[in-house]
Amino acid sequence: MAKKKKTNKQVKAKENIWKWLFLGLVTILLGVSLTVVTRLKTQREPAFESPKTALVNQGEPAFQIQLKKKQINRLIDYYLNEFLGETGVKYRFYLEDQAMLKGNFNLLGQKMGFYLYFEPYVLDNGNVLLQAKSLSIGTLSLPVKDILRYVGNQMKIPDWVEIQSQKEAVVLHLDQFQLQNGMYAKMEKINLIDDDIRMNIYLPLEKDKEK
């Protein structure tokens, strides 16, 4: 028997079926691809945006640290040893129930030791005022002003330490003392009797970091 030839309608119907199957496959592939790309670009958790200098601009510290007198004394000793180096100038500043400066001065060719005691106060700007209270220097009786004047003139002291001999005081300008990364500190509390010393640590401003 002879095979029947397919009519034009049958041929076109078959072509349309393959055409729609092909378009459906393309649509599915595109949908899967878009879904994969979207998932890859979407983070599982929202991105955390750093506050940058918001804390500083708002006048809030980045964090606070609480120290003991022994810890402060170790830090001071380390700093002074690095600062004084091999200058030959030696003195100590440490905390007990009061703040104490221990050093030597020359009097008539003789080296005399002195102990100068201070009462520390936290200023409104976070700096520290050391008010001289008493002086121990053997049997000699010398004014505190003279010893402070000697310290300011003869001893090597950091630039951020201000000797006010007439007021018998020393000011620690912590706002002028910065670490290499620009961080700086402000004193919050000094209670030597209860051994409670607290400092607020601030981050540098963005413009300072750019410099």
C-alpha atoms as a PDB file:
ATOM      1  CA  MET A   1       0.000   0.000   0.000  1.00  0.00           C
ATOM      2  CA  ALA A   2       1.282   3.450  -0.783  1.00  0.00           C
ATOM      3  CA  LYS A   3       2.007   5.770   2.137  1.00  0.00           C
ATOM      4  CA  LYS A   4      -0.201   8.756   2.458  1.00  0.00           C
ATOM      5  CA  LYS A   5       1.523  12.061   1.999  1.00  0.00           C
ATOM      6  CA  LYS A   6       1.263  14.529   4.853  1.00  0.00           C
ATOM      7  CA  THR A   7      -0.831  17.533   4.149  1.00  0.00           C
ATOM      8  CA  ASN A   8       0.483  21.090   4.523  1.00  0.00           C
ATOM      9  CA  LYS A   9      -1.649  21.569   7.600  1.00  0.00           C
ATOM     10  CA  GLN A  10      -0.132  18.536   9.302  1.00  0.00           C
ATOM     11  CA  VAL A  11       3.389  19.715   8.533  1.00  0.00           C
ATOM     12  CA  LYS A  12       2.710  23.211   9.842  1.00  0.00           C
ATOM     13  CA  ALA A  13       1.072  21.842  12.996  1.00  0.00           C
ATOM     14  CA  LYS A  14       4.154  19.706  13.708  1.00  0.00           C
ATOM     15  CA  GLU A  15       6.478  22.689  13.135  1.00  0.00           C
ATOM     16  CA  ASN A  16       4.406  24.825  15.517  1.00  0.00           C
ATOM     17  CA  ILE A  17       4.683  22.170  18.239  1.00  0.00           C
ATOM     18  CA  TRP A  18       8.485  22.101  17.980  1.00  0.00           C
ATOM     19  CA  LYS A  19       8.530  25.893  17.854  1.00  0.00           C
ATOM     20  CA  TRP A  20       6.570  26.236  21.114  1.00  0.00           C
ATOM     21  CA  LEU A  21       8.577  23.473  22.790  1.00  0.00           C
ATOM     22  CA  PHE A  22      11.807  25.308  21.870  1.00  0.00           C
ATOM     23  CA  LEU A  23      10.499  28.667  23.160  1.00  0.00           C
ATOM     24  CA  GLY A  24       9.345  27.010  26.380  1.00  0.00           C
ATOM     25  CA  LEU A  25      12.792  25.481  26.921  1.00  0.00           C
ATOM     26  CA  VAL A  26      14.497  28.847  26.334  1.00  0.00           C
ATOM     27  CA  THR A  27      12.114  30.511  28.789  1.00  0.00           C
ATOM     28  CA  ILE A  28      12.851  27.894  31.458  1.00  0.00           C
ATOM     29  CA  LEU A  29      16.632  28.255  30.987  1.00  0.00           C
ATOM     30  CA  LEU A  30      16.437  32.032  31.217  1.00  0.00           C
ATOM     31  CA  GLY A  31      14.328  31.804  34.357  1.00  0.00           C
ATOM     32  CA  VAL A  32      16.786  29.411  36.016  1.00  0.00           C
ATOM     33  CA  SER A  33      19.754  31.608  35.032  1.00  0.00           C
ATOM     34  CA  LEU A  34      18.156  34.753  36.448  1.00  0.00           C
ATOM     35  CA  THR A  35      17.300  32.941  39.684  1.00  0.00           C
ATOM     36  CA  VAL A  36      20.885  31.715  40.105  1.00  0.00           C
ATOM     37  CA  VAL A  37      22.380  35.159  39.401  1.00  0.00           C
ATOM     38  CA  THR A  38      19.952  36.822  41.802  1.00  0.00           C
ATOM     39  CA  ARG A  39      20.800  34.379  44.583  1.00  0.00           C
ATOM     40  CA  LEU A  40      24.512  34.820  44.019  1.00  0.00           C
ATOM     41  CA  LYS A  41      24.220  38.609  44.277  1.00  0.00           C
ATOM     42  CA  THR A  42      21.904  38.540  47.278  1.00  0.00           C
ATOM     43  CA  GLN A  43      23.647  38.423  50.698  1.00  0.00           C
ATOM     44  CA  ARG A  44      22.268  36.116  53.351  1.00  0.00           C
ATOM     45  CA  GLU A  45      22.483  38.938  55.911  1.00  0.00           C
ATOM     46  CA  PRO A  46      22.203  42.694  55.388  1.00  0.00           C
ATOM     47  CA  ALA A  47      25.564  44.418  54.951  1.00  0.00           C
ATOM     48  CA  PHE A  48      26.949  46.072  58.090  1.00  0.00           C
ATOM     49  CA  GLU A  49      27.831  49.703  57.498  1.00  0.00           C
ATOM     50  CA  SER A  50      30.626  51.031  59.660  1.00  0.00           C
ATOM     51  CA  PRO A  51      29.649  54.141  61.619  1.00  0.00           C
ATOM     52  CA  LYS A  52      33.034  55.593  60.596  1.00  0.00           C
ATOM     53  CA  THR A  53      33.459  58.710  62.712  1.00  0.00           C
ATOM     54  CA  ALA A  54      29.886  58.977  63.964  1.00  0.00           C
ATOM     55  CA  LEU A  55      30.945  58.212  67.518  1.00  0.00           C
ATOM     56  CA  VAL A  56      33.543  60.946  67.484  1.00  0.00           C
ATOM     57  CA  ASN A  57      31.266  63.464  65.801  1.00  0.00           C
ATOM     58  CA  GLN A  58      28.613  62.829  68.441  1.00  0.00           C
ATOM     59  CA  GLY A  59      31.162  63.293  71.207  1.00  0.00           C
ATOM     60  CA  GLU A  60      30.869  59.691  72.352  1.00  0.00           C
ATOM     61  CA  PRO A  61      33.871  57.464  73.107  1.00  0.00           C
ATOM     62  CA  ALA A  62      34.512  54.333  71.070  1.00  0.00           C
ATOM     63  CA  PHE A  63      35.006  52.371  74.297  1.00  0.00           C
ATOM     64  CA  GLN A  64      36.097  52.746  77.916  1.00  0.00           C
ATOM     65  CA  ILE A  65      38.869  50.992  79.800  1.00  0.00           C
ATOM     66  CA  GLN A  66      39.220  50.529  83.541  1.00  0.00           C
ATOM     67  CA  LEU A  67      42.710  50.214  84.984  1.00  0.00           C
ATOM     68  CA  LYS A  68      44.367  49.586  88.320  1.00  0.00           C
ATOM     69  CA  LYS A  69      47.209  51.640  89.752  1.00  0.00           C
ATOM     70  CA  LYS A  70      49.696  48.826  89.148  1.00  0.00           C
ATOM     71  CA  GLN A  71      48.757  48.736  85.485  1.00  0.00           C
ATOM     72  CA  ILE A  72      49.083  52.516  85.154  1.00  0.00           C
ATOM     73  CA  ASN A  73      52.478  52.429  86.888  1.00  0.00           C
ATOM     74  CA  ARG A  74      53.781  49.797  84.468  1.00  0.00           C
ATOM     75  CA  LEU A  75      52.606  51.861  81.509  1.00  0.00           C
ATOM     76  CA  ILE A  76      54.231  55.019  82.897  1.00  0.00           C
ATOM     77  CA  ASP A  77      57.522  53.247  83.595  1.00  0.00           C
ATOM     78  CA  TYR A  78      57.615  51.839  80.078  1.00  0.00           C
ATOM     79  CA  TYR A  79      56.788  55.197  78.510  1.00  0.00           C
ATOM     80  CA  LEU A  80      59.357  57.135  80.553  1.00  0.00           C
ATOM     81  CA  ASN A  81      62.100  54.597  79.815  1.00  0.00           C
ATOM     82  CA  GLU A  82      61.389  54.953  76.101  1.00  0.00           C
ATOM     83  CA  PHE A  83      61.040  58.735  76.286  1.00  0.00           C
ATOM     84  CA  LEU A  84      64.148  59.421  78.383  1.00  0.00           C
ATOM     85  CA  GLY A  85      66.284  56.835  76.613  1.00  0.00           C
ATOM     86  CA  GLU A  86      69.990  57.385  77.281  1.00  0.00           C
ATOM     87  CA  THR A  87      69.696  61.047  78.248  1.00  0.00           C
ATOM     88  CA  GLY A  88      70.953  60.338  81.762  1.00  0.00           C
ATOM     89  CA  VAL A  89      67.873  62.058  83.186  1.00  0.00           C
ATOM     90  CA  LYS A  90      66.000  59.719  85.460  1.00  0.00           C
ATOM     91  CA  TYR A  91      62.801  60.289  87.381  1.00  0.00           C
ATOM     92  CA  ARG A  92      59.710  58.316  88.220  1.00  0.00           C
ATOM     93  CA  PHE A  93      56.046  59.126  88.371  1.00  0.00           C
ATOM     94  CA  TYR A  94      53.711  56.605  89.905  1.00  0.00           C
ATOM     95  CA  LEU A  95      50.440  56.229  91.746  1.00  0.00           C
ATOM     96  CA  GLU A  96      49.843  55.171  95.308  1.00  0.00           C
ATOM     97  CA  ASP A  97      47.184  56.754  97.520  1.00  0.00           C
ATOM     98  CA  GLN A  98      48.468  59.946  95.897  1.00  0.00           C
ATOM     99  CA  ALA A  99      50.337  60.627  92.686  1.00  0.00           C
ATOM    100  CA  MET A 100      54.060  60.914  93.338  1.00  0.00           C
ATOM    101  CA  LEU A 101      56.981  62.348  91.397  1.00  0.00           C
ATOM    102  CA  LYS A 102      60.371  61.045  92.486  1.00  0.00           C
ATOM    103  CA  GLY A 103      63.589  62.559  91.222  1.00  0.00           C
ATOM    104  CA  ASN A 104      66.940  64.128  91.999  1.00  0.00           C
ATOM    105  CA  PHE A 105      68.432  67.592  91.742  1.00  0.00           C
ATOM    106  CA  ASN A 106      71.891  69.008  92.320  1.00  0.00           C
ATOM    107  CA  LEU A 107      72.454  71.326  95.265  1.00  0.00           C
ATOM    108  CA  LEU A 108      75.958  72.680  95.892  1.00  0.00           C
ATOM    109  CA  GLY A 109      77.454  69.817  93.916  1.00  0.00           C
ATOM    110  CA  GLN A 110      75.493  67.159  95.769  1.00  0.00           C
ATOM    111  CA  LYS A 111      72.663  65.066  94.409  1.00  0.00           C
ATOM    112  CA  MET A 112      69.530  65.399  96.492  1.00  0.00           C
ATOM    113  CA  GLY A 113      66.453  63.216  96.159  1.00  0.00           C
ATOM    114  CA  PHE A 114      62.928  64.572  96.417  1.00  0.00           C
ATOM    115  CA  TYR A 115      59.398  63.225  96.597  1.00  0.00           C
ATOM    116  CA  LEU A 116      56.621  65.481  95.388  1.00  0.00           C
ATOM    117  CA  TYR A 117      53.054  64.384  96.144  1.00  0.00           C
ATOM    118  CA  PHE A 118      50.035  65.390  94.081  1.00  0.00           C
ATOM    119  CA  GLU A 119      46.279  65.112  94.288  1.00  0.00           C
ATOM    120  CA  PRO A 120      44.873  64.258  90.824  1.00  0.00           C
ATOM    121  CA  TYR A 121      41.706  65.861  89.446  1.00  0.00           C
ATOM    122  CA  VAL A 122      39.869  65.146  86.200  1.00  0.00           C
ATOM    123  CA  LEU A 123      39.132  68.311  84.225  1.00  0.00           C
ATOM    124  CA  ASP A 124      35.983  68.841  82.169  1.00  0.00           C
ATOM    125  CA  ASN A 125      37.896  68.343  78.912  1.00  0.00           C
ATOM    126  CA  GLY A 126      39.270  64.971  80.014  1.00  0.00           C
ATOM    127  CA  ASN A 127      42.739  66.254  80.883  1.00  0.00           C
ATOM    128  CA  VAL A 128      44.272  65.722  84.321  1.00  0.00           C
ATOM    129  CA  LEU A 129      45.307  68.331  86.859  1.00  0.00           C
ATOM    130  CA  LEU A 130      47.915  67.296  89.425  1.00  0.00           C
ATOM    131  CA  GLN A 131      47.783  69.670  92.359  1.00  0.00           C
ATOM    132  CA  ALA A 132      50.911  69.560  94.527  1.00  0.00           C
ATOM    133  CA  LYS A 133      50.162  68.776  98.164  1.00  0.00           C
ATOM    134  CA  SER A 134      53.436  68.116  99.908  1.00  0.00           C
ATOM    135  CA  LEU A 135      57.186  67.836  99.343  1.00  0.00           C
ATOM    136  CA  SER A 136      59.686  65.531 100.975  1.00  0.00           C
ATOM    137  CA  ILE A 137      63.355  66.378 100.548  1.00  0.00           C
ATOM    138  CA  GLY A 138      65.273  65.177 103.582  1.00  0.00           C
ATOM    139  CA  THR A 139      65.794  67.847 106.209  1.00  0.00           C
ATOM    140  CA  LEU A 140      65.651  70.728 103.740  1.00  0.00           C
ATOM    141  CA  SER A 141      62.639  72.975 103.483  1.00  0.00           C
ATOM    142  CA  LEU A 142      62.157  74.210  99.939  1.00  0.00           C
ATOM    143  CA  PRO A 143      59.037  75.686  98.339  1.00  0.00           C
ATOM    144  CA  VAL A 144      57.101  73.411  95.974  1.00  0.00           C
ATOM    145  CA  LYS A 145      57.317  76.171  93.363  1.00  0.00           C
ATOM    146  CA  ASP A 146      61.111  75.906  93.276  1.00  0.00           C
ATOM    147  CA  ILE A 147      61.062  72.151  92.751  1.00  0.00           C
ATOM    148  CA  LEU A 148      58.469  72.412  89.994  1.00  0.00           C
ATOM    149  CA  ARG A 149      60.457  75.189  88.350  1.00  0.00           C
ATOM    150  CA  TYR A 150      63.523  72.952  88.483  1.00  0.00           C
ATOM    151  CA  VAL A 151      61.596  70.061  86.977  1.00  0.00           C
ATOM    152  CA  GLY A 152      60.338  72.261  84.150  1.00  0.00           C
ATOM    153  CA  ASN A 153      63.743  73.776  83.380  1.00  0.00           C
ATOM    154  CA  GLN A 154      66.186  70.950  84.033  1.00  0.00           C
ATOM    155  CA  MET A 155      64.328  67.718  83.381  1.00  0.00           C
ATOM    156  CA  LYS A 156      63.218  66.380  80.025  1.00  0.00           C
ATOM    157  CA  ILE A 157      59.452  66.170  80.057  1.00  0.00           C
ATOM    158  CA  PRO A 158      56.933  65.334  77.298  1.00  0.00           C
ATOM    159  CA  ASP A 159      55.441  68.222  75.310  1.00  0.00           C
ATOM    160  CA  TRP A 160      51.931  67.365  76.498  1.00  0.00           C
ATOM    161  CA  VAL A 161      52.928  67.828  80.161  1.00  0.00           C
ATOM    162  CA  GLU A 162      52.611  71.428  81.371  1.00  0.00           C
ATOM    163  CA  ILE A 163      54.417  72.554  84.519  1.00  0.00           C
ATOM    164  CA  GLN A 164      52.604  75.411  86.271  1.00  0.00           C
ATOM    165  CA  SER A 165      55.122  76.221  89.004  1.00  0.00           C
ATOM    166  CA  GLN A 166      53.355  79.367  90.223  1.00  0.00           C
ATOM    167  CA  LYS A 167      50.130  77.417  90.735  1.00  0.00           C
ATOM    168  CA  GLU A 168      52.060  74.453  92.170  1.00  0.00           C
ATOM    169  CA  ALA A 169      50.405  72.191  89.655  1.00  0.00           C
ATOM    170  CA  VAL A 170      51.027  69.995  86.630  1.00  0.00           C
ATOM    171  CA  VAL A 171      48.549  69.544  83.774  1.00  0.00           C
ATOM    172  CA  LEU A 172      48.530  66.378  81.677  1.00  0.00           C
ATOM    173  CA  HIS A 173      47.136  67.414  78.286  1.00  0.00           C
ATOM    174  CA  LEU A 174      45.829  64.036  77.170  1.00  0.00           C
ATOM    175  CA  ASP A 175      44.091  65.743  74.237  1.00  0.00           C
ATOM    176  CA  GLN A 176      47.562  66.458  72.821  1.00  0.00           C
ATOM    177  CA  PHE A 177      48.815  62.914  73.280  1.00  0.00           C
ATOM    178  CA  GLN A 178      47.845  60.609  70.401  1.00  0.00           C
ATOM    179  CA  LEU A 179      48.860  57.132  69.411  1.00  0.00           C
ATOM    180  CA  GLN A 180      50.348  56.497  65.963  1.00  0.00           C
ATOM    181  CA  ASN A 181      46.958  55.385  64.649  1.00  0.00           C
ATOM    182  CA  GLY A 182      45.393  58.668  65.808  1.00  0.00           C
ATOM    183  CA  MET A 183      43.477  57.262  68.757  1.00  0.00           C
ATOM    184  CA  TYR A 184      43.462  59.390  71.895  1.00  0.00           C
ATOM    185  CA  ALA A 185      42.124  59.212  75.433  1.00  0.00           C
ATOM    186  CA  LYS A 186      40.195  61.327  77.874  1.00  0.00           C
ATOM    187  CA  MET A 187      40.219  60.644  81.578  1.00  0.00           C
ATOM    188  CA  GLU A 188      36.809  59.806  83.016  1.00  0.00           C
ATOM    189  CA  LYS A 189      37.553  59.013  86.659  1.00  0.00           C
ATOM    190  CA  ILE A 190      40.490  58.814  89.076  1.00  0.00           C
ATOM    191  CA  ASN A 191      39.887  57.254  92.465  1.00  0.00           C
ATOM    192  CA  LEU A 192      43.231  56.212  93.906  1.00  0.00           C
ATOM    193  CA  ILE A 193      41.823  55.071  97.250  1.00  0.00           C
ATOM    194  CA  ASP A 194      39.424  52.576  95.650  1.00  0.00           C
ATOM    195  CA  ASP A 195      41.917  51.820  92.867  1.00  0.00           C
ATOM    196  CA  ASP A 196      39.432  52.788  90.148  1.00  0.00           C
ATOM    197  CA  ILE A 197      40.813  54.603  87.095  1.00  0.00           C
ATOM    198  CA  ARG A 198      38.726  54.924  83.934  1.00  0.00           C
ATOM    199  CA  MET A 199      39.605  56.320  80.536  1.00  0.00           C
ATOM    200  CA  ASN A 200      37.496  56.898  77.439  1.00  0.00           C
ATOM    201  CA  ILE A 201      39.138  56.014  74.138  1.00  0.00           C
ATOM    202  CA  TYR A 202      38.261  57.965  70.990  1.00  0.00           C
ATOM    203  CA  LEU A 203      38.813  57.159  67.337  1.00  0.00           C
ATOM    204  CA  PRO A 204      40.458  59.691  65.006  1.00  0.00           C
ATOM    205  CA  LEU A 205      38.329  61.856  62.749  1.00  0.00           C
ATOM    206  CA  GLU A 206      38.169  60.815  59.095  1.00  0.00           C
ATOM    207  CA  LYS A 207      40.034  63.941  57.967  1.00  0.00           C
ATOM    208  CA  ASP A 208      42.801  63.204  60.490  1.00  0.00           C
ATOM    209  CA  LYS A 209      43.156  59.673  59.146  1.00  0.00           C
ATOM    210  CA  GLU A 210      43.459  60.982  55.591  1.00  0.00           C
ATOM    211  CA  LYS A 211      46.373  63.186  56.609  1.00  0.00           C
END
